[in-house]
C-alpha atoms as a PDB file:
ATOM      1  CA  MET A   1      28.876  28.912  16.632  1.00  0.00           C
ATOM      2  CA  ASN A   2      32.130  30.179  18.144  1.00  0.00           C
ATOM      3  CA  GLY A   3      30.315  30.899  21.504  1.00  0.00           C
ATOM      4  CA  ARG A   4      28.933  27.363  21.499  1.00  0.00           C
ATOM      5  CA  ILE A   5      32.563  25.854  20.988  1.00  0.00           C
ATOM      6  CA  ARG A   6      33.749  28.112  23.894  1.00  0.00           C
ATOM      7  CA  LEU A   7      31.061  26.961  26.161  1.00  0.00           C
ATOM      8  CA  VAL A   8      31.849  23.318  25.669  1.00  0.00           C
ATOM      9  CA  LEU A   9      35.571  23.810  25.901  1.00  0.00           C
ATOM     10  CA  TYR A  10      35.027  25.878  29.082  1.00  0.00           C
ATOM     11  CA  SER A  11      32.676  23.419  30.720  1.00  0.00           C
ATOM     12  CA  SER A  12      34.936  20.565  29.751  1.00  0.00           C
ATOM     13  CA  TRP A  13      37.873  22.372  31.378  1.00  0.00           C
ATOM     14  CA  GLN A  14      35.601  22.868  34.627  1.00  0.00           C
ATOM     15  CA  TYR A  15      34.794  19.212  34.750  1.00  0.00           C
ATOM     16  CA  LEU A  16      38.412  18.229  34.558  1.00  0.00           C
ATOM     17  CA  ASN A  17      39.623  20.712  37.202  1.00  0.00           C
ATOM     18  CA  GLN A  18      37.054  19.507  39.709  1.00  0.00           C
ATOM     19  CA  PRO A  19      38.732  19.362  43.219  1.00  0.00           C
ATOM     20  CA  ILE A  20      38.693  15.431  44.154  1.00  0.00           C
ATOM     21  CA  PHE A  21      39.152  15.817  47.841  1.00  0.00           C
ATOM     22  CA  GLY A  22      38.297  18.728  50.305  1.00  0.00           C
ATOM     23  CA  GLY A  23      36.175  20.751  47.977  1.00  0.00           C
ATOM     24  CA  LEU A  24      33.309  22.761  48.926  1.00  0.00           C
ATOM     25  CA  ALA A  25      30.998  20.744  46.595  1.00  0.00           C
ATOM     26  CA  PRO A  26      31.518  17.026  46.073  1.00  0.00           C
ATOM     27  CA  SER A  27      33.032  16.015  42.770  1.00  0.00           C
ATOM     28  CA  ILE A  28      30.715  14.844  40.128  1.00  0.00           C
ATOM     29  CA  TRP A  29      31.980  11.850  37.944  1.00  0.00           C
ATOM     30  CA  SER A  30      29.191  11.501  35.561  1.00  0.00           C
ATOM     31  CA  ILE A  31      29.570  13.782  32.645  1.00  0.00           C
ATOM     32  CA  LYS A  32      25.937  13.850  32.156  1.00  0.00           C
ATOM     33  CA  ARG A  33      25.237  14.806  35.619  1.00  0.00           C
ATOM     34  CA  PHE A  34      27.932  17.365  35.770  1.00  0.00           C
ATOM     35  CA  TRP A  35      26.662  19.039  32.617  1.00  0.00           C
ATOM     36  CA  TYR A  36      23.116  19.418  34.088  1.00  0.00           C
ATOM     37  CA  PHE A  37      24.586  21.015  37.278  1.00  0.00           C
ATOM     38  CA  TYR A  38      26.942  23.351  35.213  1.00  0.00           C
ATOM     39  CA  ARG A  39      23.840  24.558  33.291  1.00  0.00           C
ATOM     40  CA  LEU A  40      21.866  25.044  36.244  1.00  0.00           C
ATOM     41  CA  GLN A  41      24.725  27.188  37.763  1.00  0.00           C
ATOM     42  CA  LEU A  42      24.966  29.103  34.649  1.00  0.00           C
ATOM     43  CA  LEU A  43      21.199  29.842  34.461  1.00  0.00           C
ATOM     44  CA  LYS A  44      21.440  30.992  38.162  1.00  0.00           C
ATOM     45  CA  LYS A  45      24.381  33.310  37.499  1.00  0.00           C
ATOM     46  CA  CYS A  46      22.749  34.630  34.169  1.00  0.00           C
ATOM     47  CA  TRP A  47      19.358  35.112  36.178  1.00  0.00           C
ATOM     48  CA  SER A  48      20.812  37.027  39.007  1.00  0.00           C
ATOM     49  CA  LYS A  49      22.645  39.575  36.625  1.00  0.00           C
ATOM     50  CA  PRO A  50      20.970  42.884  36.365  1.00  0.00           C
ATOM     51  CA  THR A  51      19.409  43.823  32.945  1.00  0.00           C
ATOM     52  CA  PRO A  52      20.021  47.386  31.586  1.00  0.00           C
ATOM     53  CA  PHE A  53      16.490  47.993  32.137  1.00  0.00           C
ATOM     54  CA  GLU A  54      16.628  47.229  35.801  1.00  0.00           C
ATOM     55  CA  SER A  55      19.747  49.422  36.199  1.00  0.00           C
ATOM     56  CA  HIS A  56      17.761  52.568  35.106  1.00  0.00           C
ATOM     57  CA  ILE A  57      14.831  52.111  37.416  1.00  0.00           C
ATOM     58  CA  GLY A  58      14.531  54.983  39.890  1.00  0.00           C
ATOM     59  CA  GLU A  59      16.814  57.235  37.957  1.00  0.00           C
ATOM     60  CA  ASP A  60      15.727  60.531  36.705  1.00  0.00           C
ATOM     61  CA  TYR A  61      16.250  61.411  33.098  1.00  0.00           C
END
């Protein structure tokens, strides 16, 4: 439960701190649309992280 609250607070902070002008990505005003893209970015970030199993591939024990 604590992790879920932290995720909501962090994503809300990211929504409020979007650059309005001159950012690399355009500002998203709709909360639902922002939440969709935030979850998509989070999924991509988690997917690209190496797992402990992958880090041991090729190593001799």
